[in-house]
Amino acid sequence: MAYAEFVDTVVKAVVEKPEAIEIEEETEGNARTFFVHCDPEDVGKVIGKSGRVVSAIRCVVSAVAAKQREKAFVKVVTE
């Protein structure tokens, strides 16, 4: 499973409107950054109380990337 698909699957499990999720991926060397765009009503659910949900997502994605000796970052875009 590609990282973008993995991030998409994890984020869609948290939100109310999974059809509104868009994942942008930027690659620079061995580091990948995923920008998560979601419905404005779901931003709070993705970030979680005190940022706990997004921290957990970042931790899991980072662990998956570490197996391939890469780095991965997840950023939630708030508009």
PDB file of N, CA and C in Angstrom:
ATOM      1  N   MET A   1       0.847  -1.179   0.000  1.00  0.00           N
ATOM      2  CA  MET A   1       0.000   0.000   0.000  1.00  0.00           C
ATOM      3  C   MET A   1       0.891   1.240   0.000  1.00  0.00           C
ATOM      4  N   ALA A   2       0.603   2.168  -0.861  1.00  0.00           N
ATOM      5  CA  ALA A   2       1.359   3.412  -0.922  1.00  0.00           C
ATOM      6  C   ALA A   2       1.028   4.273   0.292  1.00  0.00           C
ATOM      7  N   TYR A   3       1.945   5.151   0.643  1.00  0.00           N
ATOM      8  CA  TYR A   3       1.732   5.998   1.812  1.00  0.00           C
ATOM      9  C   TYR A   3       0.485   6.858   1.675  1.00  0.00           C
ATOM     10  N   ALA A   4       0.277   7.451   0.501  1.00  0.00           N
ATOM     11  CA  ALA A   4      -0.886   8.334   0.312  1.00  0.00           C
ATOM     12  C   ALA A   4      -2.186   7.568   0.534  1.00  0.00           C
ATOM     13  N   GLU A   5      -2.251   6.346   0.050  1.00  0.00           N
ATOM     14  CA  GLU A   5      -3.445   5.520   0.265  1.00  0.00           C
ATOM     15  C   GLU A   5      -3.623   5.213   1.746  1.00  0.00           C
ATOM     16  N   PHE A   6      -2.518   4.953   2.436  1.00  0.00           N
ATOM     17  CA  PHE A   6      -2.572   4.649   3.858  1.00  0.00           C
ATOM     18  C   PHE A   6      -3.076   5.855   4.647  1.00  0.00           C
ATOM     19  N   VAL A   7      -2.528   7.038   4.359  1.00  0.00           N
ATOM     20  CA  VAL A   7      -2.968   8.264   5.035  1.00  0.00           C
ATOM     21  C   VAL A   7      -4.445   8.501   4.745  1.00  0.00           C
ATOM     22  N   ASP A   8      -4.842   8.315   3.497  1.00  0.00           N
ATOM     23  CA  ASP A   8      -6.240   8.493   3.099  1.00  0.00           C
ATOM     24  C   ASP A   8      -7.157   7.562   3.891  1.00  0.00           C
ATOM     25  N   THR A   9      -6.785   6.313   4.016  1.00  0.00           N
ATOM     26  CA  THR A   9      -7.593   5.329   4.731  1.00  0.00           C
ATOM     27  C   THR A   9      -7.719   5.683   6.212  1.00  0.00           C
ATOM     28  N   VAL A  10      -6.619   6.076   6.817  1.00  0.00           N
ATOM     29  CA  VAL A  10      -6.635   6.409   8.247  1.00  0.00           C
ATOM     30  C   VAL A  10      -7.479   7.653   8.510  1.00  0.00           C
ATOM     31  N   VAL A  11      -7.326   8.682   7.687  1.00  0.00           N
ATOM     32  CA  VAL A  11      -8.078   9.923   7.893  1.00  0.00           C
ATOM     33  C   VAL A  11      -9.561   9.705   7.629  1.00  0.00           C
ATOM     34  N   LYS A  12      -9.898   8.936   6.602  1.00  0.00           N
ATOM     35  CA  LYS A  12     -11.303   8.685   6.287  1.00  0.00           C
ATOM     36  C   LYS A  12     -12.021   7.946   7.410  1.00  0.00           C
ATOM     37  N   ALA A  13     -11.277   7.177   8.206  1.00  0.00           N
ATOM     38  CA  ALA A  13     -11.883   6.453   9.323  1.00  0.00           C
ATOM     39  C   ALA A  13     -12.301   7.395  10.452  1.00  0.00           C
ATOM     40  N   VAL A  14     -11.766   8.600  10.466  1.00  0.00           N
ATOM     41  CA  VAL A  14     -12.006   9.531  11.564  1.00  0.00           C
ATOM     42  C   VAL A  14     -13.119  10.529  11.258  1.00  0.00           C
ATOM     43  N   VAL A  15     -13.303  10.885   9.996  1.00  0.00           N
ATOM     44  CA  VAL A  15     -14.183  12.002   9.638  1.00  0.00           C
ATOM     45  C   VAL A  15     -15.619  11.575   9.355  1.00  0.00           C
ATOM     46  N   GLU A  16     -16.511  12.578   9.326  1.00  0.00           N
ATOM     47  CA  GLU A  16     -17.929  12.350   9.010  1.00  0.00           C
ATOM     48  C   GLU A  16     -18.171  12.323   7.498  1.00  0.00           C
ATOM     49  N   LYS A  17     -17.392  13.117   6.747  1.00  0.00           N
ATOM     50  CA  LYS A  17     -17.565  13.213   5.300  1.00  0.00           C
ATOM     51  C   LYS A  17     -16.299  12.728   4.587  1.00  0.00           C
ATOM     52  N   PRO A  18     -16.123  11.416   4.464  1.00  0.00           N
ATOM     53  CA  PRO A  18     -14.890  10.885   3.857  1.00  0.00           C
ATOM     54  C   PRO A  18     -14.732  11.230   2.375  1.00  0.00           C
ATOM     55  N   GLU A  19     -15.843  11.555   1.707  1.00  0.00           N
ATOM     56  CA  GLU A  19     -15.742  11.888   0.285  1.00  0.00           C
ATOM     57  C   GLU A  19     -15.060  13.242   0.063  1.00  0.00           C
ATOM     58  N   ALA A  20     -14.955  14.064   1.095  1.00  0.00           N
ATOM     59  CA  ALA A  20     -14.345  15.390   0.974  1.00  0.00           C
ATOM     60  C   ALA A  20     -12.835  15.371   1.216  1.00  0.00           C
ATOM     61  N   ILE A  21     -12.282  14.227   1.550  1.00  0.00           N
ATOM     62  CA  ILE A  21     -10.857  14.132   1.866  1.00  0.00           C
ATOM     63  C   ILE A  21     -10.027  14.158   0.585  1.00  0.00           C
ATOM     64  N   GLU A  22      -8.996  15.013   0.584  1.00  0.00           N
ATOM     65  CA  GLU A  22      -8.023  15.055  -0.500  1.00  0.00           C
ATOM     66  C   GLU A  22      -6.634  15.042   0.126  1.00  0.00           C
ATOM     67  N   ILE A  23      -5.755  14.223  -0.424  1.00  0.00           N
ATOM     68  CA  ILE A  23      -4.395  14.111   0.080  1.00  0.00           C
ATOM     69  C   ILE A  23      -3.431  14.577  -1.014  1.00  0.00           C
ATOM     70  N   GLU A  24      -2.608  15.576  -0.692  1.00  0.00           N
ATOM     71  CA  GLU A  24      -1.548  16.017  -1.600  1.00  0.00           C
ATOM     72  C   GLU A  24      -0.230  15.488  -1.052  1.00  0.00           C
ATOM     73  N   GLU A  25       0.631  15.040  -1.946  1.00  0.00           N
ATOM     74  CA  GLU A  25       1.918  14.492  -1.515  1.00  0.00           C
ATOM     75  C   GLU A  25       3.052  15.266  -2.162  1.00  0.00           C
ATOM     76  N   GLU A  26       4.017  15.672  -1.339  1.00  0.00           N
ATOM     77  CA  GLU A  26       5.238  16.301  -1.833  1.00  0.00           C
ATOM     78  C   GLU A  26       6.406  15.414  -1.427  1.00  0.00           C
ATOM     79  N   THR A  27       7.299  15.175  -2.366  1.00  0.00           N
ATOM     80  CA  THR A  27       8.469  14.350  -2.084  1.00  0.00           C
ATOM     81  C   THR A  27       9.725  15.183  -2.265  1.00  0.00           C
ATOM     82  N   GLU A  28      10.582  15.111  -1.262  1.00  0.00           N
ATOM     83  CA  GLU A  28      11.852  15.821  -1.324  1.00  0.00           C
ATOM     84  C   GLU A  28      12.922  14.899  -0.760  1.00  0.00           C
ATOM     85  N   GLY A  29      13.723  14.333  -1.630  1.00  0.00           N
ATOM     86  CA  GLY A  29      14.728  13.365  -1.193  1.00  0.00           C
ATOM     87  C   GLY A  29      14.044  12.114  -0.675  1.00  0.00           C
ATOM     88  N   ASN A  30      14.361  11.716   0.547  1.00  0.00           N
ATOM     89  CA  ASN A  30      13.703  10.538   1.125  1.00  0.00           C
ATOM     90  C   ASN A  30      12.614  10.934   2.119  1.00  0.00           C
ATOM     91  N   ALA A  31      12.151  12.182   2.024  1.00  0.00           N
ATOM     92  CA  ALA A  31      11.088  12.666   2.917  1.00  0.00           C
ATOM     93  C   ALA A  31       9.825  12.960   2.114  1.00  0.00           C
ATOM     94  N   ARG A  32       8.706  12.541   2.654  1.00  0.00           N
ATOM     95  CA  ARG A  32       7.413  12.794   2.023  1.00  0.00           C
ATOM     96  C   ARG A  32       6.553  13.594   2.989  1.00  0.00           C
ATOM     97  N   THR A  33       5.852  14.575   2.449  1.00  0.00           N
ATOM     98  CA  THR A  33       4.928  15.368   3.247  1.00  0.00           C
ATOM     99  C   THR A  33       3.546  15.221   2.649  1.00  0.00           C
ATOM    100  N   PHE A  34       2.588  14.878   3.506  1.00  0.00           N
ATOM    101  CA  PHE A  34       1.205  14.706   3.073  1.00  0.00           C
ATOM    102  C   PHE A  34       0.378  15.855   3.632  1.00  0.00           C
ATOM    103  N   PHE A  35      -0.294  16.560   2.727  1.00  0.00           N
ATOM    104  CA  PHE A  35      -1.171  17.653   3.117  1.00  0.00           C
ATOM    105  C   PHE A  35      -2.603  17.144   3.040  1.00  0.00           C
ATOM    106  N   VAL A  36      -3.290  17.134   4.169  1.00  0.00           N
ATOM    107  CA  VAL A  36      -4.650  16.610   4.256  1.00  0.00           C
ATOM    108  C   VAL A  36      -5.634  17.766   4.156  1.00  0.00           C
ATOM    109  N   HIS A  37      -6.471  17.736   3.123  1.00  0.00           N
ATOM    110  CA  HIS A  37      -7.541  18.715   2.948  1.00  0.00           C
ATOM    111  C   HIS A  37      -8.848  17.995   3.268  1.00  0.00           C
ATOM    112  N   CYS A  38      -9.653  18.594   4.137  1.00  0.00           N
ATOM    113  CA  CYS A  38     -10.925  17.972   4.484  1.00  0.00           C
ATOM    114  C   CYS A  38     -11.999  19.042   4.648  1.00  0.00           C
ATOM    115  N   ASP A  39     -13.221  18.601   4.829  1.00  0.00           N
ATOM    116  CA  ASP A  39     -14.355  19.502   5.038  1.00  0.00           C
ATOM    117  C   ASP A  39     -14.080  20.326   6.298  1.00  0.00           C
ATOM    118  N   PRO A  40     -14.400  21.622   6.270  1.00  0.00           N
ATOM    119  CA  PRO A  40     -14.148  22.458   7.452  1.00  0.00           C
ATOM    120  C   PRO A  40     -14.782  21.940   8.741  1.00  0.00           C
ATOM    121  N   GLU A  41     -15.893  21.234   8.635  1.00  0.00           N
ATOM    122  CA  GLU A  41     -16.536  20.676   9.824  1.00  0.00           C
ATOM    123  C   GLU A  41     -15.748  19.496  10.397  1.00  0.00           C
ATOM    124  N   ASP A  42     -14.913  18.859   9.589  1.00  0.00           N
ATOM    125  CA  ASP A  42     -14.161  17.683  10.023  1.00  0.00           C
ATOM    126  C   ASP A  42     -12.742  18.002  10.497  1.00  0.00           C
ATOM    127  N   VAL A  43     -12.301  19.241  10.335  1.00  0.00           N
ATOM    128  CA  VAL A  43     -10.938  19.599  10.725  1.00  0.00           C
ATOM    129  C   VAL A  43     -10.703  19.302  12.208  1.00  0.00           C
ATOM    130  N   GLY A  44     -11.664  19.645  13.034  1.00  0.00           N
ATOM    131  CA  GLY A  44     -11.542  19.388  14.473  1.00  0.00           C
ATOM    132  C   GLY A  44     -11.436  17.917  14.801  1.00  0.00           C
ATOM    133  N   LYS A  45     -12.137  17.086  14.037  1.00  0.00           N
ATOM    134  CA  LYS A  45     -12.069  15.637  14.268  1.00  0.00           C
ATOM    135  C   LYS A  45     -10.712  15.078  13.878  1.00  0.00           C
ATOM    136  N   VAL A  46     -10.132  15.602  12.803  1.00  0.00           N
ATOM    137  CA  VAL A  46      -8.819  15.128  12.356  1.00  0.00           C
ATOM    138  C   VAL A  46      -7.735  15.572  13.327  1.00  0.00           C
ATOM    139  N   ILE A  47      -7.830  16.806  13.815  1.00  0.00           N
ATOM    140  CA  ILE A  47      -6.824  17.310  14.747  1.00  0.00           C
ATOM    141  C   ILE A  47      -7.017  16.695  16.125  1.00  0.00           C
ATOM    142  N   GLY A  48      -8.247  16.608  16.578  1.00  0.00           N
ATOM    143  CA  GLY A  48      -8.523  16.000  17.878  1.00  0.00           C
ATOM    144  C   GLY A  48      -8.272  16.949  19.031  1.00  0.00           C
ATOM    145  N   LYS A  49      -8.665  16.525  20.208  1.00  0.00           N
ATOM    146  CA  LYS A  49      -8.497  17.329  21.417  1.00  0.00           C
ATOM    147  C   LYS A  49      -7.010  17.446  21.728  1.00  0.00           C
ATOM    148  N   SER A  50      -6.533  18.670  21.804  1.00  0.00           N
ATOM    149  CA  SER A  50      -5.106  18.964  22.046  1.00  0.00           C
ATOM    150  C   SER A  50      -4.195  18.343  20.991  1.00  0.00           C
ATOM    151  N   GLY A  51      -4.719  18.056  19.803  1.00  0.00           N
ATOM    152  CA  GLY A  51      -3.904  17.517  18.719  1.00  0.00           C
ATOM    153  C   GLY A  51      -3.561  16.047  18.851  1.00  0.00           C
ATOM    154  N   ARG A  52      -4.293  15.331  19.676  1.00  0.00           N
ATOM    155  CA  ARG A  52      -3.963  13.929  19.930  1.00  0.00           C
ATOM    156  C   ARG A  52      -4.216  13.022  18.732  1.00  0.00           C
ATOM    157  N   VAL A  53      -5.292  13.261  17.988  1.00  0.00           N
ATOM    158  CA  VAL A  53      -5.612  12.393  16.852  1.00  0.00           C
ATOM    159  C   VAL A  53      -4.580  12.565  15.752  1.00  0.00           C
ATOM    160  N   VAL A  54      -4.272  13.814  15.395  1.00  0.00           N
ATOM    161  CA  VAL A  54      -3.290  14.041  14.337  1.00  0.00           C
ATOM    162  C   VAL A  54      -1.900  13.569  14.779  1.00  0.00           C
ATOM    163  N   SER A  55      -1.590  13.664  16.050  1.00  0.00           N
ATOM    164  CA  SER A  55      -0.307  13.145  16.551  1.00  0.00           C
ATOM    165  C   SER A  55      -0.234  11.631  16.395  1.00  0.00           C
ATOM    166  N   ALA A  56      -1.334  10.955  16.664  1.00  0.00           N
ATOM    167  CA  ALA A  56      -1.368   9.505  16.506  1.00  0.00           C
ATOM    168  C   ALA A  56      -1.233   9.117  15.035  1.00  0.00           C
ATOM    169  N   ILE A  57      -1.914   9.857  14.157  1.00  0.00           N
ATOM    170  CA  ILE A  57      -1.799   9.589  12.717  1.00  0.00           C
ATOM    171  C   ILE A  57      -0.361   9.798  12.267  1.00  0.00           C
ATOM    172  N   ARG A  58       0.252  10.877  12.704  1.00  0.00           N
ATOM    173  CA  ARG A  58       1.646  11.154  12.340  1.00  0.00           C
ATOM    174  C   ARG A  58       2.575  10.056  12.832  1.00  0.00           C
ATOM    175  N   CYS A  59       2.336   9.579  14.030  1.00  0.00           N
ATOM    176  CA  CYS A  59       3.172   8.526  14.608  1.00  0.00           C
ATOM    177  C   CYS A  59       3.099   7.244  13.795  1.00  0.00           C
ATOM    178  N   VAL A  60       1.888   6.848  13.407  1.00  0.00           N
ATOM    179  CA  VAL A  60       1.707   5.615  12.642  1.00  0.00           C
ATOM    180  C   VAL A  60       2.309   5.751  11.244  1.00  0.00           C
ATOM    181  N   VAL A  61       2.064   6.872  10.579  1.00  0.00           N
ATOM    182  CA  VAL A  61       2.601   7.080   9.230  1.00  0.00           C
ATOM    183  C   VAL A  61       4.125   7.140   9.275  1.00  0.00           C
ATOM    184  N   SER A  62       4.663   7.785  10.278  1.00  0.00           N
ATOM    185  CA  SER A  62       6.116   7.858  10.438  1.00  0.00           C
ATOM    186  C   SER A  62       6.720   6.475  10.663  1.00  0.00           C
ATOM    187  N   ALA A  63       6.045   5.636  11.435  1.00  0.00           N
ATOM    188  CA  ALA A  63       6.531   4.278  11.687  1.00  0.00           C
ATOM    189  C   ALA A  63       6.526   3.438  10.413  1.00  0.00           C
ATOM    190  N   VAL A  64       5.481   3.597   9.600  1.00  0.00           N
ATOM    191  CA  VAL A  64       5.404   2.868   8.328  1.00  0.00           C
ATOM    192  C   VAL A  64       6.538   3.316   7.415  1.00  0.00           C
ATOM    193  N   ALA A  65       6.798   4.614   7.367  1.00  0.00           N
ATOM    194  CA  ALA A  65       7.865   5.138   6.514  1.00  0.00           C
ATOM    195  C   ALA A  65       9.240   4.709   7.015  1.00  0.00           C
ATOM    196  N   ALA A  66       9.402   4.611   8.315  1.00  0.00           N
ATOM    197  CA  ALA A  66      10.692   4.225   8.892  1.00  0.00           C
ATOM    198  C   ALA A  66      11.094   2.813   8.483  1.00  0.00           C
ATOM    199  N   LYS A  67      10.114   1.956   8.249  1.00  0.00           N
ATOM    200  CA  LYS A  67      10.429   0.596   7.781  1.00  0.00           C
ATOM    201  C   LYS A  67      11.134   0.635   6.428  1.00  0.00           C
ATOM    202  N   GLN A  68      10.825   1.649   5.621  1.00  0.00           N
ATOM    203  CA  GLN A  68      11.436   1.809   4.299  1.00  0.00           C
ATOM    204  C   GLN A  68      12.611   2.792   4.341  1.00  0.00           C
ATOM    205  N   ARG A  69      13.042   3.148   5.542  1.00  0.00           N
ATOM    206  CA  ARG A  69      14.124   4.102   5.758  1.00  0.00           C
ATOM    207  C   ARG A  69      13.832   5.456   5.104  1.00  0.00           C
ATOM    208  N   GLU A  70      12.608   5.899   5.277  1.00  0.00           N
ATOM    209  CA  GLU A  70      12.178   7.195   4.776  1.00  0.00           C
ATOM    210  C   GLU A  70      11.546   7.977   5.921  1.00  0.00           C
ATOM    211  N   LYS A  71      11.279   9.238   5.662  1.00  0.00           N
ATOM    212  CA  LYS A  71      10.579  10.074   6.629  1.00  0.00           C
ATOM    213  C   LYS A  71       9.253  10.492   6.029  1.00  0.00           C
ATOM    214  N   ALA A  72       8.239  10.591   6.858  1.00  0.00           N
ATOM    215  CA  ALA A  72       6.918  11.014   6.394  1.00  0.00           C
ATOM    216  C   ALA A  72       6.329  11.990   7.397  1.00  0.00           C
ATOM    217  N   PHE A  73       5.714  13.036   6.864  1.00  0.00           N
ATOM    218  CA  PHE A  73       5.090  14.061   7.689  1.00  0.00           C
ATOM    219  C   PHE A  73       3.657  14.243   7.237  1.00  0.00           C
ATOM    220  N   VAL A  74       2.772  14.510   8.180  1.00  0.00           N
ATOM    221  CA  VAL A  74       1.355  14.737   7.872  1.00  0.00           C
ATOM    222  C   VAL A  74       0.986  16.123   8.386  1.00  0.00           C
ATOM    223  N   LYS A  75       0.416  16.925   7.501  1.00  0.00           N
ATOM    224  CA  LYS A  75      -0.019  18.273   7.871  1.00  0.00           C
ATOM    225  C   LYS A  75      -1.483  18.435   7.476  1.00  0.00           C
ATOM    226  N   VAL A  76      -2.274  18.958   8.396  1.00  0.00           N
ATOM    227  CA  VAL A  76      -3.690  19.204   8.128  1.00  0.00           C
ATOM    228  C   VAL A  76      -3.818  20.650   7.661  1.00  0.00           C
ATOM    229  N   VAL A  77      -4.391  20.834   6.485  1.00  0.00           N
ATOM    230  CA  VAL A  77      -4.560  22.162   5.917  1.00  0.00           C
ATOM    231  C   VAL A  77      -5.882  22.743   6.403  1.00  0.00           C
ATOM    232  N   THR A  78      -5.798  23.867   7.078  1.00  0.00           N
ATOM    233  CA  THR A  78      -7.011  24.555   7.527  1.00  0.00           C
ATOM    234  C   THR A  78      -7.162  25.806   6.683  1.00  0.00           C
ATOM    235  N   GLU A  79      -8.302  25.965   6.105  1.00  0.00           N
ATOM    236  CA  GLU A  79      -8.513  27.088   5.176  1.00  0.00           C
ATOM    237  C   GLU A  79      -9.364  28.149   5.794  1.00  0.00           C
TER     238      GLU A  79
END
